[in-house]
Amino acid sequence: GGILKRIAVLVSGGGTNLQALIDAKNRGEIPEGEFAAVISSSPNAYALKRAEAAGIATFVIDRKAYGSNREMTVSLTELLQAQKIDLVVLAGFMYILTEELVNAYPNAIINVHPALIPSFCGEGCYGLHVHEKAIAYGVKVSGATVHFVSEECDGGPIILQKAVPVEESD
């Protein structure tokens, strides 16, 4: 094998996407990467406990400690560089990151968006808001999109999409 890419996973909450990544790694499905850091925007995120249980180093860049998303992004970028991170995965990270991070990690930031881009994406479409909009609109199929992050919100190249049916009971 070659040199493992050092991956940082950015989280804000429960960490279900993080757990799916850890499980995939344990099944041998991520042979070229190692999870070097989990960074949370909240000190109380349950995702931090999942990371600790998996033996992954944890860090907190508390959004509340910064005056703006830009100040937070600059700190985050410095932390990623200090940890020699190669690839950044946004797994339910709830804040818009400014261009400092995109410039430092071109085509090396992956986001999981809970809809089929270009539907239900862009400003204000994150987390459960996306599903609420999809259900309110009445779509029969939604899904998830994994894409590279560019400066345009939800605008980077798409890596993978998977459709999921929307049931009456959702």
C-alpha atoms as a PDB file:
ATOM      1  CA  GLY A   1       0.000   0.000   0.000  1.00  0.00           C
ATOM      2  CA  GLY A   2       0.948   3.618  -0.501  1.00  0.00           C
ATOM      3  CA  ILE A   3       0.954   6.366   2.069  1.00  0.00           C
ATOM      4  CA  LEU A   4      -2.434   6.704   3.765  1.00  0.00           C
ATOM      5  CA  LYS A   5      -4.205  10.005   3.274  1.00  0.00           C
ATOM      6  CA  ARG A   6      -4.863  11.755   6.580  1.00  0.00           C
ATOM      7  CA  ILE A   7      -8.589  12.502   6.751  1.00  0.00           C
ATOM      8  CA  ALA A   8     -10.322  14.966   9.070  1.00  0.00           C
ATOM      9  CA  VAL A   9     -14.073  14.658   9.608  1.00  0.00           C
ATOM     10  CA  LEU A  10     -15.950  17.842  10.581  1.00  0.00           C
ATOM     11  CA  VAL A  11     -19.083  17.362  12.685  1.00  0.00           C
ATOM     12  CA  SER A  12     -21.637  19.386  14.613  1.00  0.00           C
ATOM     13  CA  GLY A  13     -24.002  16.875  16.190  1.00  0.00           C
ATOM     14  CA  GLY A  14     -24.762  13.203  16.672  1.00  0.00           C
ATOM     15  CA  GLY A  15     -22.212  11.900  14.224  1.00  0.00           C
ATOM     16  CA  THR A  16     -24.281   9.289  12.349  1.00  0.00           C
ATOM     17  CA  ASN A  17     -22.339  10.055   9.129  1.00  0.00           C
ATOM     18  CA  LEU A  18     -19.088   9.818  11.092  1.00  0.00           C
ATOM     19  CA  GLN A  19     -20.156   6.417  12.463  1.00  0.00           C
ATOM     20  CA  ALA A  20     -20.953   5.216   8.927  1.00  0.00           C
ATOM     21  CA  LEU A  21     -17.438   6.280   7.852  1.00  0.00           C
ATOM     22  CA  ILE A  22     -15.819   4.519  10.842  1.00  0.00           C
ATOM     23  CA  ASP A  23     -17.842   1.363  10.095  1.00  0.00           C
ATOM     24  CA  ALA A  24     -16.840   1.508   6.406  1.00  0.00           C
ATOM     25  CA  LYS A  25     -13.172   1.878   7.403  1.00  0.00           C
ATOM     26  CA  ASN A  26     -13.498  -1.138   9.716  1.00  0.00           C
ATOM     27  CA  ARG A  27     -14.994  -3.177   6.829  1.00  0.00           C
ATOM     28  CA  GLY A  28     -11.930  -2.333   4.715  1.00  0.00           C
ATOM     29  CA  GLU A  29     -13.835   0.009   2.371  1.00  0.00           C
ATOM     30  CA  ILE A  30     -11.504   3.007   2.834  1.00  0.00           C
ATOM     31  CA  PRO A  31      -8.104   1.375   2.232  1.00  0.00           C
ATOM     32  CA  GLU A  32      -6.287   4.563   1.246  1.00  0.00           C
ATOM     33  CA  GLY A  33      -7.250   6.790   4.154  1.00  0.00           C
ATOM     34  CA  GLU A  34      -6.925   6.998   7.903  1.00  0.00           C
ATOM     35  CA  PHE A  35      -9.123   9.108  10.157  1.00  0.00           C
ATOM     36  CA  ALA A  36      -6.572  11.413  11.782  1.00  0.00           C
ATOM     37  CA  ALA A  37      -8.952  13.918  13.394  1.00  0.00           C
ATOM     38  CA  VAL A  38     -12.584  14.596  14.193  1.00  0.00           C
ATOM     39  CA  ILE A  39     -13.278  18.306  14.632  1.00  0.00           C
ATOM     40  CA  SER A  40     -16.548  19.510  16.133  1.00  0.00           C
ATOM     41  CA  SER A  41     -18.163  22.955  16.029  1.00  0.00           C
ATOM     42  CA  SER A  42     -19.725  22.144  19.418  1.00  0.00           C
ATOM     43  CA  PRO A  43     -18.025  20.806  22.568  1.00  0.00           C
ATOM     44  CA  ASN A  44     -21.185  18.784  23.373  1.00  0.00           C
ATOM     45  CA  ALA A  45     -21.541  16.922  20.065  1.00  0.00           C
ATOM     46  CA  TYR A  46     -22.122  13.197  20.579  1.00  0.00           C
ATOM     47  CA  ALA A  47     -19.921  12.665  17.516  1.00  0.00           C
ATOM     48  CA  LEU A  48     -16.887  13.403  19.743  1.00  0.00           C
ATOM     49  CA  LYS A  49     -17.755  10.355  21.888  1.00  0.00           C
ATOM     50  CA  ARG A  50     -18.011   8.195  18.741  1.00  0.00           C
ATOM     51  CA  ALA A  51     -14.572   9.405  17.642  1.00  0.00           C
ATOM     52  CA  GLU A  52     -13.042   8.718  21.065  1.00  0.00           C
ATOM     53  CA  ALA A  53     -14.552   5.212  21.072  1.00  0.00           C
ATOM     54  CA  ALA A  54     -12.883   4.607  17.686  1.00  0.00           C
ATOM     55  CA  GLY A  55      -9.531   5.939  18.918  1.00  0.00           C
ATOM     56  CA  ILE A  56      -9.566   9.051  16.706  1.00  0.00           C
ATOM     57  CA  ALA A  57      -8.057  12.324  17.952  1.00  0.00           C
ATOM     58  CA  THR A  58     -10.743  14.946  18.664  1.00  0.00           C
ATOM     59  CA  PHE A  59     -10.678  18.742  18.506  1.00  0.00           C
ATOM     60  CA  VAL A  60     -13.277  21.446  19.135  1.00  0.00           C
ATOM     61  CA  ILE A  61     -13.460  24.657  17.108  1.00  0.00           C
ATOM     62  CA  ASP A  62     -16.442  26.122  18.975  1.00  0.00           C
ATOM     63  CA  ARG A  63     -18.394  28.413  16.660  1.00  0.00           C
ATOM     64  CA  LYS A  64     -19.564  30.415  19.694  1.00  0.00           C
ATOM     65  CA  ALA A  65     -15.960  31.386  20.476  1.00  0.00           C
ATOM     66  CA  TYR A  66     -15.570  33.273  17.174  1.00  0.00           C
ATOM     67  CA  GLY A  67     -17.029  36.554  15.972  1.00  0.00           C
ATOM     68  CA  SER A  68     -17.761  35.250  12.478  1.00  0.00           C
ATOM     69  CA  ASN A  69     -17.707  32.174  10.252  1.00  0.00           C
ATOM     70  CA  ARG A  70     -14.564  33.624   8.662  1.00  0.00           C
ATOM     71  CA  GLU A  71     -12.673  33.781  11.987  1.00  0.00           C
ATOM     72  CA  MET A  72     -13.749  30.213  12.731  1.00  0.00           C
ATOM     73  CA  THR A  73     -12.677  29.070   9.253  1.00  0.00           C
ATOM     74  CA  VAL A  74      -9.210  30.615   9.606  1.00  0.00           C
ATOM     75  CA  SER A  75      -8.685  28.799  12.935  1.00  0.00           C
ATOM     76  CA  LEU A  76      -9.997  25.561  11.473  1.00  0.00           C
ATOM     77  CA  THR A  77      -7.702  25.818   8.441  1.00  0.00           C
ATOM     78  CA  GLU A  78      -4.681  26.397  10.708  1.00  0.00           C
ATOM     79  CA  LEU A  79      -5.625  23.351  12.807  1.00  0.00           C
ATOM     80  CA  LEU A  80      -6.016  21.140   9.704  1.00  0.00           C
ATOM     81  CA  GLN A  81      -2.623  22.238   8.400  1.00  0.00           C
ATOM     82  CA  ALA A  82      -0.981  21.680  11.813  1.00  0.00           C
ATOM     83  CA  GLN A  83      -2.422  18.134  11.818  1.00  0.00           C
ATOM     84  CA  LYS A  84      -1.095  17.556   8.262  1.00  0.00           C
ATOM     85  CA  ILE A  85      -4.575  16.732   6.960  1.00  0.00           C
ATOM     86  CA  ASP A  86      -4.892  15.757   3.261  1.00  0.00           C
ATOM     87  CA  LEU A  87      -8.667  15.415   2.900  1.00  0.00           C
ATOM     88  CA  VAL A  88     -11.537  17.095   4.756  1.00  0.00           C
ATOM     89  CA  VAL A  89     -14.975  15.459   5.044  1.00  0.00           C
ATOM     90  CA  LEU A  90     -17.960  17.564   6.133  1.00  0.00           C
ATOM     91  CA  ALA A  91     -20.285  15.099   7.865  1.00  0.00           C
ATOM     92  CA  GLY A  92     -23.213  17.112   9.152  1.00  0.00           C
ATOM     93  CA  PHE A  93     -21.133  20.234   9.760  1.00  0.00           C
ATOM     94  CA  MET A  94     -23.654  23.031  10.277  1.00  0.00           C
ATOM     95  CA  TYR A  95     -21.730  26.174   9.360  1.00  0.00           C
ATOM     96  CA  ILE A  96     -20.813  27.729   6.040  1.00  0.00           C
ATOM     97  CA  LEU A  97     -17.029  27.783   5.736  1.00  0.00           C
ATOM     98  CA  THR A  98     -15.395  30.736   3.980  1.00  0.00           C
ATOM     99  CA  GLU A  99     -12.955  30.647   1.085  1.00  0.00           C
ATOM    100  CA  GLU A 100      -9.805  30.350   3.225  1.00  0.00           C
ATOM    101  CA  LEU A 101     -10.505  26.653   3.681  1.00  0.00           C
ATOM    102  CA  VAL A 102     -11.417  26.048   0.015  1.00  0.00           C
ATOM    103  CA  ASN A 103      -8.242  27.829  -1.087  1.00  0.00           C
ATOM    104  CA  ALA A 104      -6.091  25.741   1.289  1.00  0.00           C
ATOM    105  CA  TYR A 105      -7.762  22.464   0.245  1.00  0.00           C
ATOM    106  CA  PRO A 106      -8.780  22.691  -3.440  1.00  0.00           C
ATOM    107  CA  ASN A 107     -10.684  19.548  -4.527  1.00  0.00           C
ATOM    108  CA  ALA A 108      -9.866  18.041  -1.137  1.00  0.00           C
ATOM    109  CA  ILE A 109     -13.049  18.855   0.796  1.00  0.00           C
ATOM    110  CA  ILE A 110     -15.983  16.465   0.497  1.00  0.00           C
ATOM    111  CA  ASN A 111     -19.501  17.287   1.681  1.00  0.00           C
ATOM    112  CA  VAL A 112     -22.487  15.021   2.202  1.00  0.00           C
ATOM    113  CA  HIS A 113     -25.667  16.909   1.237  1.00  0.00           C
ATOM    114  CA  PRO A 114     -29.005  15.277   2.166  1.00  0.00           C
ATOM    115  CA  ALA A 115     -30.725  15.783  -1.210  1.00  0.00           C
ATOM    116  CA  LEU A 116     -30.156  15.214  -4.912  1.00  0.00           C
ATOM    117  CA  ILE A 117     -28.339  18.387  -6.019  1.00  0.00           C
ATOM    118  CA  PRO A 118     -29.448  20.612  -7.765  1.00  0.00           C
ATOM    119  CA  SER A 119     -32.753  20.070  -5.897  1.00  0.00           C
ATOM    120  CA  PHE A 120     -33.105  21.478  -2.379  1.00  0.00           C
ATOM    121  CA  CYS A 121     -29.652  22.987  -2.064  1.00  0.00           C
ATOM    122  CA  GLY A 122     -27.944  26.342  -1.613  1.00  0.00           C
ATOM    123  CA  GLU A 123     -28.277  28.999   1.074  1.00  0.00           C
ATOM    124  CA  GLY A 124     -30.340  27.904   4.097  1.00  0.00           C
ATOM    125  CA  CYS A 125     -30.670  24.295   2.904  1.00  0.00           C
ATOM    126  CA  TYR A 126     -28.912  22.150   5.471  1.00  0.00           C
ATOM    127  CA  GLY A 127     -29.747  19.381   7.908  1.00  0.00           C
ATOM    128  CA  LEU A 128     -33.424  18.665   8.494  1.00  0.00           C
ATOM    129  CA  HIS A 129     -34.468  21.835   6.592  1.00  0.00           C
ATOM    130  CA  VAL A 130     -33.652  19.983   3.377  1.00  0.00           C
ATOM    131  CA  HIS A 131     -35.982  17.088   4.183  1.00  0.00           C
ATOM    132  CA  GLU A 132     -38.730  19.465   5.331  1.00  0.00           C
ATOM    133  CA  LYS A 133     -38.547  21.274   1.969  1.00  0.00           C
ATOM    134  CA  ALA A 134     -38.549  18.036  -0.021  1.00  0.00           C
ATOM    135  CA  ILE A 135     -41.598  16.724   1.851  1.00  0.00           C
ATOM    136  CA  ALA A 136     -43.426  20.067   1.625  1.00  0.00           C
ATOM    137  CA  TYR A 137     -42.799  20.132  -2.137  1.00  0.00           C
ATOM    138  CA  GLY A 138     -44.155  16.612  -2.446  1.00  0.00           C
ATOM    139  CA  VAL A 139     -41.256  14.914  -4.243  1.00  0.00           C
ATOM    140  CA  LYS A 140     -41.464  11.120  -4.487  1.00  0.00           C
ATOM    141  CA  VAL A 141     -37.688  10.645  -4.609  1.00  0.00           C
ATOM    142  CA  SER A 142     -34.957  12.427  -2.704  1.00  0.00           C
ATOM    143  CA  GLY A 143     -31.560  11.134  -1.655  1.00  0.00           C
ATOM    144  CA  ALA A 144     -28.026  12.119  -0.857  1.00  0.00           C
ATOM    145  CA  THR A 145     -25.235  13.769  -2.823  1.00  0.00           C
ATOM    146  CA  VAL A 146     -21.549  13.507  -2.056  1.00  0.00           C
ATOM    147  CA  HIS A 147     -19.660  16.366  -3.709  1.00  0.00           C
ATOM    148  CA  PHE A 148     -16.448  18.342  -3.614  1.00  0.00           C
ATOM    149  CA  VAL A 149     -16.779  21.740  -1.954  1.00  0.00           C
ATOM    150  CA  SER A 150     -16.178  24.844  -4.058  1.00  0.00           C
ATOM    151  CA  GLU A 151     -16.712  28.502  -3.191  1.00  0.00           C
ATOM    152  CA  GLU A 152     -20.299  28.278  -4.439  1.00  0.00           C
ATOM    153  CA  CYS A 153     -22.620  26.771  -1.794  1.00  0.00           C
ATOM    154  CA  ASP A 154     -23.453  23.178  -2.848  1.00  0.00           C
ATOM    155  CA  GLY A 155     -21.862  23.973  -6.220  1.00  0.00           C
ATOM    156  CA  GLY A 156     -18.782  21.736  -6.461  1.00  0.00           C
ATOM    157  CA  PRO A 157     -18.324  18.682  -8.685  1.00  0.00           C
ATOM    158  CA  ILE A 158     -20.573  15.734  -7.789  1.00  0.00           C
ATOM    159  CA  ILE A 159     -18.823  12.488  -6.788  1.00  0.00           C
ATOM    160  CA  LEU A 160     -21.776  10.209  -6.087  1.00  0.00           C
ATOM    161  CA  GLN A 161     -25.558  10.361  -5.744  1.00  0.00           C
ATOM    162  CA  LYS A 162     -28.011   7.845  -4.360  1.00  0.00           C
ATOM    163  CA  ALA A 163     -31.783   8.138  -4.660  1.00  0.00           C
ATOM    164  CA  VAL A 164     -34.078   7.295  -1.764  1.00  0.00           C
ATOM    165  CA  PRO A 165     -37.875   7.030  -2.089  1.00  0.00           C
ATOM    166  CA  VAL A 166     -39.966   9.469  -0.035  1.00  0.00           C
ATOM    167  CA  GLU A 167     -42.700   7.555   1.780  1.00  0.00           C
ATOM    168  CA  GLU A 168     -46.110   8.921   2.814  1.00  0.00           C
ATOM    169  CA  SER A 169     -45.126   8.412   6.466  1.00  0.00           C
ATOM    170  CA  ASP A 170     -41.879  10.447   6.289  1.00  0.00           C
END
